[in-house]
Amino acid sequence: MSPTSEIVTAALRLTPTAPEHFDEAYVARSQDCPWPKAYGGDLVAQASAAVMRSAGDDRTLHSLHSYFMRPVEVGAEIRYEVERLRDGRSYSTRHVRGYSGGKLAYLAMASFHAGEQGGEYAATAPEGLPDPDALPTSAAYLDATEPGTEAGGTMTKESKDYWSSGRGFDMRHVPGPVYLKVDGAPVPHQAIWVRPFDPLRPVEGLTSRARDLAALAYVCDYTILEPILRVLDLPWARPGLTTASLDHAMWFHRPATMDDWLLYAQEAEAAQNGRGLGLGRFFDREGRHLATVAQEGVIRAS
């Protein structure tokens, strides 16, 4: 099967349902992945889509602050309940909770802004990086290594396929991936070019701008802990490695169009007590700063 971005838009398809706790509710499903529990980006992106559907078209989501309370089973239904906390002239505030199996799994606060004139400043994109077309794909990088071999570590056929083409996005690392080994020096920073494998499909209930914003929230979670793994010399396929998202914050500065390569520049800020904090910034090909991400996660290596 050819690589496709369908997994992304499938995750963003929400079905309205009668609310049980707050003002409005939606259900969605976590997408397939080869791990015991669902991908955390499913929840962030679905919550983003839910709160955006609750706000008017005159304002846009500018920040989302999330906590992951419990893991979600792969393929499980998740129910998102949205509370309309405030609608002002310039700002709106929403609270969203995600329930799975009758238990609270995820919660977040979101803020919307109607937009206004003001001064402007933006972080600058890293310079001197290779063009994405000059870098190997994840599939090309993994092609020579077979699961079950010493070089493959804990990689299975399923995880190899997932890393290669199953995540909806083409991702190309600078200096190199951390799938099987830390490719390059164990430094506390890296950059990744990301682009959907093919054009994102329409998503009912979302404008193309809102869909692209939710897709950005979806892809950001895949690699935000990787600069911590890199500096600690811990590849994903290292036996005994355990990771999990704890909390997540994202700020949206400028509209993001998910039809070309975006640069995701990442840094490790801290690692201690089995936790690590990663920071990331998204830039477009012209160097415009689009969004900022911060996430703390569990990093355990037995």
Protein backbone atom coordinates (compact mmCIF):
# COMPACT_ATOMS: atom_id res chain seq x y z
CA MET A 1 0.00 0.00 0.00
CA SER A 2 1.26 3.46 -0.90
CA PRO A 3 1.95 5.85 1.98
CA THR A 4 -1.05 8.09 2.63
CA SER A 5 -2.13 10.88 4.96
CA GLU A 6 -5.55 9.26 5.42
CA ILE A 7 -4.69 8.26 9.01
CA VAL A 8 -4.46 11.96 9.89
CA THR A 9 -7.82 13.04 8.52
CA ALA A 10 -9.42 9.83 9.82
CA ALA A 11 -8.30 10.82 13.32
CA LEU A 12 -9.85 14.27 12.90
CA ARG A 13 -13.32 13.00 11.93
CA LEU A 14 -15.55 13.59 14.93
CA THR A 15 -19.15 12.48 15.32
CA PRO A 16 -21.41 14.80 17.34
CA THR A 17 -23.27 13.11 20.19
CA ALA A 18 -25.45 14.17 23.10
CA PRO A 19 -23.35 15.67 25.92
CA GLU A 20 -23.37 13.94 29.30
CA HIS A 21 -21.33 16.44 31.33
CA PHE A 22 -20.82 19.77 29.56
CA ASP A 23 -22.09 21.82 26.60
CA GLU A 24 -21.32 19.65 23.57
CA ALA A 25 -19.74 16.30 22.85
CA TYR A 26 -18.06 14.34 20.05
CA VAL A 27 -16.75 10.82 19.63
CA ALA A 28 -13.69 9.69 17.69
CA ARG A 29 -11.40 6.68 17.52
CA SER A 30 -7.69 6.31 18.10
CA GLN A 31 -5.77 5.20 15.03
CA ASP A 32 -3.80 2.01 14.50
CA CYS A 33 -0.23 1.90 15.78
CA PRO A 34 2.11 -0.97 16.74
CA TRP A 35 2.40 -0.02 20.41
CA PRO A 36 0.27 -1.29 23.31
CA LYS A 37 -1.43 2.11 23.71
CA ALA A 38 -2.74 4.77 21.34
CA TYR A 39 -0.64 7.60 19.95
CA GLY A 40 -0.95 10.72 22.11
CA GLY A 41 -1.19 12.97 19.06
CA ASP A 42 -4.59 11.43 18.33
CA LEU A 43 -5.93 12.96 21.54
CA VAL A 44 -4.29 16.36 21.07
CA ALA A 45 -5.52 16.66 17.48
CA GLN A 46 -9.02 15.37 18.23
CA ALA A 47 -9.37 17.71 21.21
CA SER A 48 -8.20 20.58 18.98
CA ALA A 49 -10.84 19.67 16.41
CA ALA A 50 -13.54 19.42 19.10
CA VAL A 51 -12.85 22.84 20.62
CA MET A 52 -12.53 24.47 17.20
CA ARG A 53 -15.96 23.14 16.28
CA SER A 54 -17.29 24.88 19.41
CA ALA A 55 -15.93 28.33 18.51
CA GLY A 56 -17.02 30.81 15.87
CA ASP A 57 -15.24 31.31 12.58
CA ASP A 58 -14.34 34.85 13.67
CA ARG A 59 -11.60 33.57 16.00
CA THR A 60 -8.80 31.03 15.86
CA LEU A 61 -7.20 28.66 18.35
CA HIS A 62 -3.98 30.20 19.67
CA SER A 63 -3.10 27.89 22.59
CA LEU A 64 -3.87 24.42 23.91
CA HIS A 65 -2.61 23.04 27.24
CA SER A 66 -3.08 19.31 27.77
CA TYR A 67 -2.59 16.58 30.36
CA PHE A 68 -2.57 12.87 29.59
CA MET A 69 -4.31 11.15 32.50
CA ARG A 70 -4.52 7.52 31.36
CA PRO A 71 -3.42 5.53 28.31
CA VAL A 72 -6.02 4.77 25.64
CA GLU A 73 -6.37 1.42 23.90
CA VAL A 74 -5.55 1.32 20.18
CA GLY A 75 -8.78 1.58 18.18
CA ALA A 76 -10.83 2.61 21.23
CA GLU A 77 -13.63 5.15 21.07
CA ILE A 78 -12.88 8.43 22.82
CA ARG A 79 -15.62 10.80 23.92
CA TYR A 80 -14.74 14.50 24.03
CA GLU A 81 -16.89 16.76 26.20
CA VAL A 82 -16.42 20.50 25.59
CA GLU A 83 -17.29 23.17 28.16
CA ARG A 84 -17.79 26.72 26.89
CA LEU A 85 -16.16 28.64 29.73
CA ARG A 86 -16.18 32.12 28.21
CA ASP A 87 -16.89 34.02 25.01
CA GLY A 88 -15.64 37.61 25.07
CA ARG A 89 -15.23 40.22 22.37
CA SER A 90 -11.62 39.19 21.68
CA TYR A 91 -11.05 35.87 23.44
CA SER A 92 -12.90 32.61 24.04
CA THR A 93 -11.95 29.86 26.48
CA ARG A 94 -12.83 26.18 26.32
CA HIS A 95 -12.28 23.16 28.55
CA VAL A 96 -12.30 19.70 26.98
CA ARG A 97 -12.16 16.26 28.56
CA GLY A 98 -11.57 12.98 26.75
CA TYR A 99 -13.13 9.82 28.19
CA SER A 100 -12.30 6.26 27.15
CA GLY A 101 -13.74 3.12 28.68
CA GLY A 102 -15.76 5.29 31.05
CA LYS A 103 -12.62 6.86 32.56
CA LEU A 104 -11.02 10.26 32.14
CA ALA A 105 -8.01 9.85 29.84
CA TYR A 106 -7.21 13.38 28.71
CA LEU A 107 -8.03 16.98 29.58
CA ALA A 108 -7.08 20.35 28.13
CA MET A 109 -7.72 24.08 28.23
CA ALA A 110 -7.93 25.99 24.96
CA SER A 111 -7.98 29.69 24.13
CA PHE A 112 -9.19 31.45 20.97
CA HIS A 113 -8.47 34.98 19.75
CA ALA A 114 -10.42 37.12 17.30
CA GLY A 115 -7.18 38.72 16.09
CA GLU A 116 -6.04 42.34 16.18
CA GLN A 117 -3.26 44.65 15.03
CA GLY A 118 -0.07 44.78 17.08
CA GLY A 119 3.70 44.62 17.05
CA GLU A 120 5.33 41.52 15.60
CA TYR A 121 8.39 39.42 16.36
CA ALA A 122 9.23 35.86 15.39
CA ALA A 123 11.92 33.35 16.22
CA THR A 124 14.27 32.62 13.33
CA ALA A 125 14.59 29.24 11.67
CA PRO A 126 17.89 27.33 11.87
CA GLU A 127 20.16 28.05 8.93
CA GLY A 128 22.31 25.80 6.78
CA LEU A 129 20.12 22.71 6.99
CA PRO A 130 19.91 20.30 4.06
CA ASP A 131 16.90 20.57 1.77
CA PRO A 132 14.36 17.83 2.58
CA ASP A 133 14.62 16.36 -0.92
CA ALA A 134 18.33 15.77 -0.26
CA LEU A 135 17.61 13.65 2.83
CA PRO A 136 16.67 9.95 2.96
CA THR A 137 13.11 8.96 3.81
CA SER A 138 12.45 6.95 6.95
CA ALA A 139 11.70 3.97 4.72
CA ALA A 140 15.05 4.25 2.95
CA TYR A 141 16.86 4.59 6.28
CA LEU A 142 15.20 1.47 7.72
CA ASP A 143 15.16 -0.65 4.59
CA ALA A 144 18.48 -2.41 5.16
CA THR A 145 17.69 -3.54 8.73
CA GLU A 146 15.54 -6.59 9.42
CA PRO A 147 13.40 -7.00 12.53
CA GLY A 148 14.67 -9.68 14.89
CA THR A 149 18.32 -8.90 14.25
CA GLU A 150 20.72 -7.37 16.74
CA ALA A 151 20.87 -4.16 14.71
CA GLY A 152 17.06 -3.94 14.76
CA GLY A 153 16.78 -3.97 18.55
CA THR A 154 13.12 -4.10 19.57
CA MET A 155 11.90 -3.11 16.09
CA THR A 156 9.19 -5.41 14.74
CA LYS A 157 7.82 -5.68 11.22
CA GLU A 158 4.83 -3.63 12.38
CA SER A 159 6.93 -0.84 13.92
CA LYS A 160 9.21 -0.78 10.88
CA ASP A 161 6.20 -0.32 8.59
CA TYR A 162 4.76 2.30 10.92
CA TRP A 163 7.98 4.34 11.08
CA SER A 164 8.44 4.00 7.34
CA SER A 165 5.01 4.91 6.03
CA GLY A 166 2.25 4.44 8.60
CA ARG A 167 2.16 7.82 10.34
CA GLY A 168 0.63 9.93 7.57
CA PHE A 169 3.67 12.20 7.26
CA ASP A 170 6.99 11.97 5.47
CA MET A 171 9.57 12.84 8.16
CA ARG A 172 13.23 13.47 7.38
CA HIS A 173 15.68 13.97 10.23
CA VAL A 174 18.69 16.26 10.58
CA PRO A 175 21.27 15.01 11.46
CA GLY A 176 19.65 11.55 11.24
CA PRO A 177 16.91 9.44 12.86
CA VAL A 178 16.97 7.86 16.30
CA TYR A 179 14.97 4.76 15.36
CA LEU A 180 17.65 2.05 15.68
CA LYS A 181 20.61 4.07 16.90
CA VAL A 182 21.33 7.73 17.52
CA ASP A 183 22.49 8.76 14.06
CA GLY A 184 24.95 11.58 14.65
CA ALA A 185 26.37 13.08 17.83
CA PRO A 186 24.32 12.80 21.07
CA VAL A 187 23.47 16.51 21.05
CA PRO A 188 20.37 18.11 22.68
CA HIS A 189 18.82 19.31 19.43
CA GLN A 190 17.61 18.10 16.05
CA ALA A 191 15.42 19.21 13.15
CA ILE A 192 12.84 17.32 11.13
CA TRP A 193 11.25 18.20 7.81
CA VAL A 194 7.61 17.06 7.79
CA ARG A 195 4.98 16.93 5.03
CA PRO A 196 1.83 14.84 4.52
CA PHE A 197 2.41 11.92 2.16
CA ASP A 198 -0.42 13.23 -0.02
CA PRO A 199 -2.88 16.16 0.20
CA LEU A 200 -5.02 16.16 3.34
CA ARG A 201 -8.63 15.26 2.70
CA PRO A 202 -11.54 17.51 3.74
CA VAL A 203 -12.82 16.96 7.29
CA GLU A 204 -16.49 17.59 8.00
CA GLY A 205 -17.02 20.34 10.57
CA LEU A 206 -13.59 21.93 10.01
CA THR A 207 -12.46 24.58 7.56
CA SER A 208 -9.26 23.80 5.68
CA ARG A 209 -7.43 26.22 7.98
CA ALA A 210 -8.76 24.50 11.12
CA ARG A 211 -8.01 21.07 9.65
CA ASP A 212 -4.41 22.06 8.94
CA LEU A 213 -4.01 23.46 12.45
CA ALA A 214 -5.32 20.19 13.94
CA ALA A 215 -3.01 18.21 11.64
CA LEU A 216 -0.07 20.25 12.94
CA ALA A 217 -1.13 19.32 16.48
CA TYR A 218 -1.34 15.69 15.34
CA VAL A 219 2.18 15.44 13.92
CA CYS A 220 3.97 17.42 16.65
CA ASP A 221 3.77 14.62 19.22
CA TYR A 222 5.60 11.94 17.23
CA THR A 223 9.10 13.33 17.75
CA ILE A 224 9.01 16.03 20.45
CA LEU A 225 10.79 13.75 22.97
CA GLU A 226 13.46 12.72 20.46
CA PRO A 227 16.03 15.44 21.30
CA ILE A 228 15.99 14.06 24.85
CA LEU A 229 16.51 10.52 23.54
CA ARG A 230 19.29 11.84 21.31
CA VAL A 231 21.26 13.60 24.05
CA LEU A 232 20.87 10.55 26.33
CA ASP A 233 21.92 8.20 23.48
CA LEU A 234 18.65 6.26 23.67
CA PRO A 235 17.24 5.12 20.30
CA TRP A 236 13.57 4.11 20.06
CA ALA A 237 14.50 0.46 19.49
CA ARG A 238 16.68 0.20 22.59
CA PRO A 239 15.56 -2.76 24.74
CA GLY A 240 14.04 -1.60 28.01
CA LEU A 241 13.16 1.91 26.84
CA THR A 242 9.76 3.23 28.00
CA THR A 243 8.33 6.61 27.04
CA ALA A 244 4.96 8.26 27.63
CA SER A 245 3.53 11.77 27.30
CA LEU A 246 2.68 13.55 30.56
CA ASP A 247 1.64 17.03 29.52
CA HIS A 248 1.69 19.06 26.33
CA ALA A 249 1.40 22.73 25.42
CA MET A 250 1.09 24.26 21.98
CA TRP A 251 0.87 27.87 20.81
CA PHE A 252 -0.25 28.71 17.28
CA HIS A 253 1.28 31.97 16.02
CA ARG A 254 0.48 32.08 12.31
CA PRO A 255 -1.67 30.05 9.91
CA ALA A 256 -0.03 26.79 8.84
CA THR A 257 -0.71 25.33 5.41
CA MET A 258 0.00 21.60 5.35
CA ASP A 259 0.72 21.29 1.63
CA ASP A 260 4.50 21.74 1.66
CA TRP A 261 7.47 20.87 3.82
CA LEU A 262 7.54 22.37 7.32
CA LEU A 263 10.66 22.47 9.47
CA TYR A 264 10.27 21.22 13.05
CA ALA A 265 13.27 22.44 15.08
CA GLN A 266 13.54 20.73 18.46
CA GLU A 267 15.58 21.03 21.65
CA ALA A 268 15.98 19.07 24.88
CA GLU A 269 15.46 21.44 27.81
CA ALA A 270 15.82 19.05 30.76
CA ALA A 271 16.10 15.39 31.69
CA GLN A 272 15.94 14.12 35.28
CA ASN A 273 14.07 11.71 37.57
CA GLY A 274 12.81 9.63 34.65
CA ARG A 275 11.27 12.67 32.92
CA GLY A 276 12.34 14.90 30.05
CA LEU A 277 11.15 18.22 28.64
CA GLY A 278 11.32 18.92 24.91
CA LEU A 279 10.68 22.16 23.03
CA GLY A 280 9.88 22.52 19.34
CA ARG A 281 9.20 25.26 16.79
CA PHE A 282 7.53 24.88 13.40
CA PHE A 283 8.66 27.01 10.45
CA ASP A 284 7.48 27.07 6.84
CA ARG A 285 9.81 26.99 3.83
CA GLU A 286 10.03 30.80 3.92
CA GLY A 287 11.20 30.70 7.56
CA ARG A 288 7.95 32.00 9.11
CA HIS A 289 7.52 30.84 12.71
CA LEU A 290 4.15 29.05 12.78
CA ALA A 291 3.84 27.31 16.16
CA THR A 292 5.69 26.42 19.36
CA VAL A 293 5.42 23.13 21.28
CA ALA A 294 6.50 22.04 24.76
CA GLN A 295 6.06 18.56 26.16
CA GLU A 296 7.20 16.68 29.24
CA GLY A 297 7.30 12.91 29.08
CA VAL A 298 8.40 9.78 30.87
CA ILE A 299 11.87 8.61 29.78
CA ARG A 300 12.81 5.29 31.41
CA ALA A 301 15.69 3.09 30.33
CA SER A 302 16.09 -0.13 32.27
